[in-house]
């Protein structure tokens, strides 16, 4: 399996302290996120500047999410190459990723 381009990026996790907000998560899902990563208002992820506290590594080189399995919905919806990804990568001086269509590699007769 190919490594995710996100593991060599992390730009979306370092874009804005206002971005990693909780929206559609259930209380049960939110309870799975370690308290040290939740902001004081309990409305989103705690950030250090614009960087999510759950992000480890160096943006643009090698990153990982310390809570990947229980990350908020906003983190799950950002996809490699989508407009939000491109905007975050631009902010960090990284080139945009090519968007691969969902049906790439499939053959229809």
N, C-alpha and C. Protein backbone atom coordinates (compact mmCIF):
# COMPACT_ATOMS: atom_id res chain seq x y z
N UNK A 1 0.84 -1.18 0.00
CA UNK A 1 0.00 0.00 0.00
C UNK A 1 0.89 1.24 0.00
N UNK A 2 0.54 2.21 -0.83
CA UNK A 2 1.32 3.44 -0.93
C UNK A 2 1.12 4.30 0.32
N UNK A 3 2.18 5.01 0.68
CA UNK A 3 2.11 5.92 1.83
C UNK A 3 1.24 7.12 1.44
N UNK A 4 0.45 7.60 2.37
CA UNK A 4 -0.40 8.75 2.12
C UNK A 4 0.44 10.00 1.91
N UNK A 5 0.07 10.84 0.94
CA UNK A 5 0.81 12.10 0.77
C UNK A 5 0.69 12.98 2.01
N UNK A 6 -0.32 12.73 2.83
CA UNK A 6 -0.52 13.52 4.05
C UNK A 6 0.62 13.31 5.04
N UNK A 7 1.23 12.14 5.02
CA UNK A 7 2.31 11.85 5.96
C UNK A 7 3.59 12.61 5.62
N UNK A 8 3.64 13.18 4.43
CA UNK A 8 4.78 14.01 4.05
C UNK A 8 4.36 15.47 3.98
N UNK A 9 3.24 15.81 4.60
CA UNK A 9 2.71 17.16 4.47
C UNK A 9 2.34 17.76 5.83
N UNK A 10 1.09 17.58 6.25
CA UNK A 10 0.61 18.14 7.51
C UNK A 10 0.18 19.58 7.43
N UNK A 11 0.15 20.15 6.22
CA UNK A 11 -0.20 21.56 6.07
C UNK A 11 -1.60 21.88 6.57
N UNK A 12 -2.57 20.99 6.33
CA UNK A 12 -3.94 21.26 6.77
C UNK A 12 -4.04 21.30 8.28
N UNK A 13 -3.14 20.60 8.96
CA UNK A 13 -3.14 20.55 10.42
C UNK A 13 -2.37 21.73 11.02
N UNK A 14 -1.82 22.56 10.16
CA UNK A 14 -1.05 23.73 10.59
C UNK A 14 -1.51 24.98 9.86
N UNK A 15 -2.78 25.01 9.53
CA UNK A 15 -3.30 26.12 8.73
C UNK A 15 -3.90 27.23 9.57
N UNK A 16 -4.72 26.87 10.56
CA UNK A 16 -5.42 27.88 11.35
C UNK A 16 -5.91 27.28 12.66
N UNK A 17 -5.75 28.03 13.73
CA UNK A 17 -6.26 27.58 15.03
C UNK A 17 -7.78 27.53 15.03
N UNK A 18 -8.43 28.17 14.08
CA UNK A 18 -9.89 28.18 13.99
C UNK A 18 -10.43 27.01 13.18
N UNK A 19 -9.57 26.30 12.46
CA UNK A 19 -10.04 25.26 11.56
C UNK A 19 -10.42 23.95 12.25
N UNK A 20 -9.63 23.43 13.17
CA UNK A 20 -10.00 22.10 13.70
C UNK A 20 -11.12 22.16 14.74
N UNK A 21 -12.31 22.57 14.28
CA UNK A 21 -13.47 22.70 15.17
C UNK A 21 -14.32 21.44 15.13
N UNK A 22 -14.97 21.18 16.23
CA UNK A 22 -15.89 20.05 16.30
C UNK A 22 -17.23 20.51 15.72
N UNK A 23 -17.85 19.63 14.94
CA UNK A 23 -19.12 20.00 14.33
C UNK A 23 -20.17 18.90 14.48
N UNK A 24 -19.95 17.78 13.85
CA UNK A 24 -20.97 16.72 13.83
C UNK A 24 -20.64 15.53 14.73
N UNK A 25 -19.58 15.63 15.50
CA UNK A 25 -19.18 14.52 16.35
C UNK A 25 -20.18 14.28 17.48
N UNK A 26 -20.38 13.04 17.80
CA UNK A 26 -21.23 12.70 18.95
C UNK A 26 -20.42 12.89 20.23
N UNK A 27 -21.10 12.99 21.35
CA UNK A 27 -20.40 13.10 22.64
C UNK A 27 -19.50 11.88 22.85
N UNK A 28 -19.96 10.72 22.42
CA UNK A 28 -19.17 9.49 22.56
C UNK A 28 -17.87 9.61 21.77
N UNK A 29 -17.94 10.12 20.54
CA UNK A 29 -16.75 10.29 19.71
C UNK A 29 -15.79 11.31 20.33
N UNK A 30 -16.35 12.41 20.84
CA UNK A 30 -15.51 13.45 21.44
C UNK A 30 -14.82 12.94 22.70
N UNK A 31 -15.49 12.08 23.44
CA UNK A 31 -14.89 11.52 24.66
C UNK A 31 -13.66 10.68 24.37
N UNK A 32 -13.49 10.22 23.14
CA UNK A 32 -12.33 9.40 22.76
C UNK A 32 -11.08 10.24 22.52
N UNK A 33 -11.27 11.54 22.28
CA UNK A 33 -10.12 12.43 22.04
C UNK A 33 -9.50 12.78 23.38
N UNK A 34 -8.20 12.49 23.56
CA UNK A 34 -7.56 12.82 24.83
C UNK A 34 -7.73 14.30 25.19
N UNK A 35 -8.07 14.55 26.43
CA UNK A 35 -8.36 15.90 26.92
C UNK A 35 -7.24 16.89 26.62
N UNK A 36 -5.99 16.44 26.65
CA UNK A 36 -4.87 17.36 26.42
C UNK A 36 -4.85 17.93 25.01
N UNK A 37 -5.63 17.35 24.09
CA UNK A 37 -5.67 17.84 22.72
C UNK A 37 -6.92 18.69 22.43
N UNK A 38 -7.79 18.87 23.40
CA UNK A 38 -9.04 19.62 23.21
C UNK A 38 -8.85 21.04 23.77
N UNK A 39 -9.36 22.04 23.03
CA UNK A 39 -9.18 23.42 23.49
C UNK A 39 -10.01 23.72 24.74
N UNK A 40 -9.72 24.85 25.36
CA UNK A 40 -10.37 25.23 26.61
C UNK A 40 -11.88 25.36 26.49
N UNK A 41 -12.37 25.81 25.32
CA UNK A 41 -13.80 25.98 25.13
C UNK A 41 -14.51 24.69 24.74
N UNK A 42 -13.76 23.60 24.62
CA UNK A 42 -14.29 22.28 24.23
C UNK A 42 -14.95 22.31 22.86
N UNK A 43 -14.53 23.28 22.02
CA UNK A 43 -15.15 23.44 20.70
C UNK A 43 -14.31 22.90 19.56
N UNK A 44 -13.09 22.48 19.86
CA UNK A 44 -12.21 21.99 18.81
C UNK A 44 -10.89 21.53 19.38
N UNK A 45 -9.97 21.27 18.49
CA UNK A 45 -8.65 20.81 18.90
C UNK A 45 -7.82 21.97 19.46
N UNK A 46 -7.01 21.67 20.45
CA UNK A 46 -6.08 22.67 20.99
C UNK A 46 -4.99 22.89 19.95
N UNK A 47 -4.60 24.12 19.77
CA UNK A 47 -3.55 24.46 18.81
C UNK A 47 -2.44 25.22 19.50
N UNK A 48 -1.27 25.10 18.95
CA UNK A 48 -0.11 25.88 19.36
C UNK A 48 0.17 26.80 18.18
N UNK A 49 -0.28 28.04 18.30
CA UNK A 49 -0.29 28.93 17.15
C UNK A 49 -1.36 28.43 16.19
N UNK A 50 -0.99 28.20 14.94
CA UNK A 50 -1.93 27.66 13.96
C UNK A 50 -1.85 26.15 13.83
N UNK A 51 -0.99 25.53 14.59
CA UNK A 51 -0.72 24.10 14.47
C UNK A 51 -1.50 23.28 15.50
N UNK A 52 -2.20 22.26 15.03
CA UNK A 52 -2.94 21.37 15.92
C UNK A 52 -1.95 20.66 16.85
N UNK A 53 -2.30 20.60 18.11
CA UNK A 53 -1.42 19.99 19.11
C UNK A 53 -1.24 18.49 18.89
N UNK A 54 -2.13 17.85 18.14
CA UNK A 54 -2.02 16.41 17.88
C UNK A 54 -1.09 16.09 16.71
N UNK A 55 -0.63 17.10 15.99
CA UNK A 55 0.27 16.88 14.86
C UNK A 55 1.70 16.74 15.36
N UNK A 56 2.36 15.68 14.92
CA UNK A 56 3.78 15.53 15.25
C UNK A 56 4.57 15.54 13.95
N UNK A 57 5.82 15.93 14.04
CA UNK A 57 6.68 15.97 12.87
C UNK A 57 6.83 17.36 12.29
N UNK A 58 7.49 17.42 11.14
CA UNK A 58 7.76 18.70 10.47
C UNK A 58 6.91 18.82 9.22
N UNK A 59 6.13 19.90 9.15
CA UNK A 59 5.26 20.15 8.01
C UNK A 59 6.08 20.18 6.73
N UNK A 60 5.58 19.47 5.72
CA UNK A 60 6.25 19.42 4.43
C UNK A 60 7.30 18.34 4.32
N UNK A 61 7.58 17.66 5.42
CA UNK A 61 8.61 16.61 5.39
C UNK A 61 8.04 15.27 5.85
N UNK A 62 7.69 15.17 7.13
CA UNK A 62 7.16 13.92 7.67
C UNK A 62 6.31 14.27 8.88
N UNK A 63 5.04 13.93 8.80
CA UNK A 63 4.12 14.24 9.89
C UNK A 63 3.22 13.04 10.19
N UNK A 64 2.61 13.09 11.35
CA UNK A 64 1.59 12.11 11.71
C UNK A 64 0.67 12.73 12.74
N UNK A 65 -0.52 12.15 12.82
CA UNK A 65 -1.52 12.60 13.78
C UNK A 65 -1.48 11.64 14.97
N UNK A 66 -1.31 12.20 16.15
CA UNK A 66 -1.24 11.39 17.36
C UNK A 66 -2.59 10.78 17.74
N UNK A 67 -3.68 11.28 17.14
CA UNK A 67 -5.01 10.75 17.46
C UNK A 67 -5.75 10.33 16.18
N UNK A 68 -5.02 9.90 15.18
CA UNK A 68 -5.59 9.62 13.85
C UNK A 68 -6.87 8.78 13.93
N UNK A 69 -6.88 7.73 14.70
CA UNK A 69 -8.04 6.84 14.76
C UNK A 69 -9.29 7.51 15.33
N UNK A 70 -9.12 8.56 16.12
CA UNK A 70 -10.27 9.24 16.76
C UNK A 70 -10.34 10.71 16.37
N UNK A 71 -9.67 11.09 15.29
CA UNK A 71 -9.63 12.50 14.86
C UNK A 71 -11.03 13.01 14.55
N UNK A 72 -11.25 14.33 14.67
CA UNK A 72 -12.57 14.92 14.43
C UNK A 72 -12.99 14.81 12.96
N UNK A 73 -14.27 15.00 12.73
CA UNK A 73 -14.84 14.91 11.39
C UNK A 73 -14.19 15.89 10.42
N UNK A 74 -13.89 17.11 10.85
CA UNK A 74 -13.27 18.10 9.96
C UNK A 74 -11.94 17.58 9.42
N UNK A 75 -11.24 16.80 10.20
CA UNK A 75 -9.97 16.21 9.76
C UNK A 75 -10.21 15.07 8.78
N UNK A 76 -11.29 14.36 8.96
CA UNK A 76 -11.61 13.23 8.08
C UNK A 76 -12.08 13.69 6.71
N UNK A 77 -12.65 14.88 6.62
CA UNK A 77 -13.21 15.33 5.35
C UNK A 77 -12.20 16.04 4.45
N UNK A 78 -11.09 16.49 4.98
CA UNK A 78 -10.05 17.12 4.17
C UNK A 78 -9.32 16.01 3.42
N UNK A 79 -9.36 16.06 2.10
CA UNK A 79 -8.78 15.02 1.27
C UNK A 79 -7.56 15.53 0.50
N UNK A 80 -6.57 14.68 0.29
CA UNK A 80 -5.39 15.09 -0.48
C UNK A 80 -5.79 15.67 -1.84
N UNK A 81 -5.35 16.87 -2.12
CA UNK A 81 -5.60 17.51 -3.40
C UNK A 81 -6.88 18.31 -3.49
N UNK A 82 -7.74 18.26 -2.46
CA UNK A 82 -8.98 19.03 -2.54
C UNK A 82 -8.67 20.53 -2.33
N UNK A 83 -9.66 21.41 -2.53
CA UNK A 83 -9.39 22.85 -2.41
C UNK A 83 -8.81 23.27 -1.06
N UNK A 84 -9.27 22.65 0.04
CA UNK A 84 -8.75 23.00 1.36
C UNK A 84 -7.29 22.57 1.49
N UNK A 85 -6.98 21.40 0.95
CA UNK A 85 -5.60 20.90 0.95
C UNK A 85 -4.71 21.87 0.16
N UNK A 86 -5.15 22.24 -1.03
CA UNK A 86 -4.37 23.15 -1.88
C UNK A 86 -4.12 24.49 -1.18
N UNK A 87 -5.15 25.01 -0.52
CA UNK A 87 -5.02 26.29 0.19
C UNK A 87 -4.00 26.18 1.33
N UNK A 88 -4.07 25.10 2.09
CA UNK A 88 -3.14 24.91 3.21
C UNK A 88 -1.72 24.70 2.70
N UNK A 89 -1.56 23.91 1.65
CA UNK A 89 -0.22 23.67 1.09
C UNK A 89 0.38 24.97 0.56
N UNK A 90 -0.44 25.79 -0.11
CA UNK A 90 0.04 27.08 -0.62
C UNK A 90 0.57 27.94 0.52
N UNK A 91 -0.14 27.95 1.64
CA UNK A 91 0.27 28.77 2.78
C UNK A 91 1.65 28.37 3.30
N UNK A 92 1.98 27.10 3.14
CA UNK A 92 3.27 26.59 3.61
C UNK A 92 4.31 26.51 2.49
N UNK A 93 3.99 27.07 1.32
CA UNK A 93 4.92 27.09 0.20
C UNK A 93 5.11 25.73 -0.46
N UNK A 94 4.11 24.86 -0.31
CA UNK A 94 4.18 23.53 -0.92
C UNK A 94 3.35 23.51 -2.19
N UNK A 95 3.77 22.74 -3.19
CA UNK A 95 2.98 22.67 -4.42
C UNK A 95 1.67 21.91 -4.19
N UNK A 96 0.67 22.23 -4.97
CA UNK A 96 -0.61 21.52 -4.89
C UNK A 96 -0.41 20.07 -5.31
N UNK A 97 -1.21 19.20 -4.74
CA UNK A 97 -1.21 17.80 -5.13
C UNK A 97 -2.14 17.60 -6.32
N UNK A 98 -1.80 16.68 -7.18
CA UNK A 98 -2.69 16.34 -8.28
C UNK A 98 -3.89 15.60 -7.70
N UNK A 99 -5.06 15.95 -8.15
CA UNK A 99 -6.28 15.29 -7.68
C UNK A 99 -6.52 14.09 -8.59
N UNK A 100 -6.65 12.93 -7.97
CA UNK A 100 -6.93 11.72 -8.72
C UNK A 100 -8.43 11.46 -8.63
N UNK A 101 -9.10 11.36 -9.78
CA UNK A 101 -10.56 11.11 -9.74
C UNK A 101 -10.87 9.82 -8.99
N UNK A 102 -12.01 9.80 -8.30
CA UNK A 102 -12.40 8.65 -7.50
C UNK A 102 -12.49 7.38 -8.32
N UNK A 103 -12.81 7.50 -9.61
CA UNK A 103 -12.95 6.32 -10.44
C UNK A 103 -11.72 6.03 -11.30
N UNK A 104 -10.60 6.64 -10.99
CA UNK A 104 -9.37 6.41 -11.75
C UNK A 104 -8.99 4.94 -11.66
N UNK A 105 -8.57 4.41 -12.77
CA UNK A 105 -8.13 3.03 -12.80
C UNK A 105 -9.25 2.02 -12.97
N UNK A 106 -10.47 2.50 -13.03
CA UNK A 106 -11.58 1.58 -13.26
C UNK A 106 -11.93 1.60 -14.73
N UNK A 107 -12.42 0.48 -15.23
CA UNK A 107 -12.77 0.39 -16.64
C UNK A 107 -14.26 0.09 -16.74
N UNK A 108 -14.94 0.88 -17.50
CA UNK A 108 -16.36 0.61 -17.72
C UNK A 108 -16.54 0.27 -19.19
N UNK A 109 -17.37 -0.70 -19.45
CA UNK A 109 -17.59 -1.12 -20.84
C UNK A 109 -18.80 -0.45 -21.42
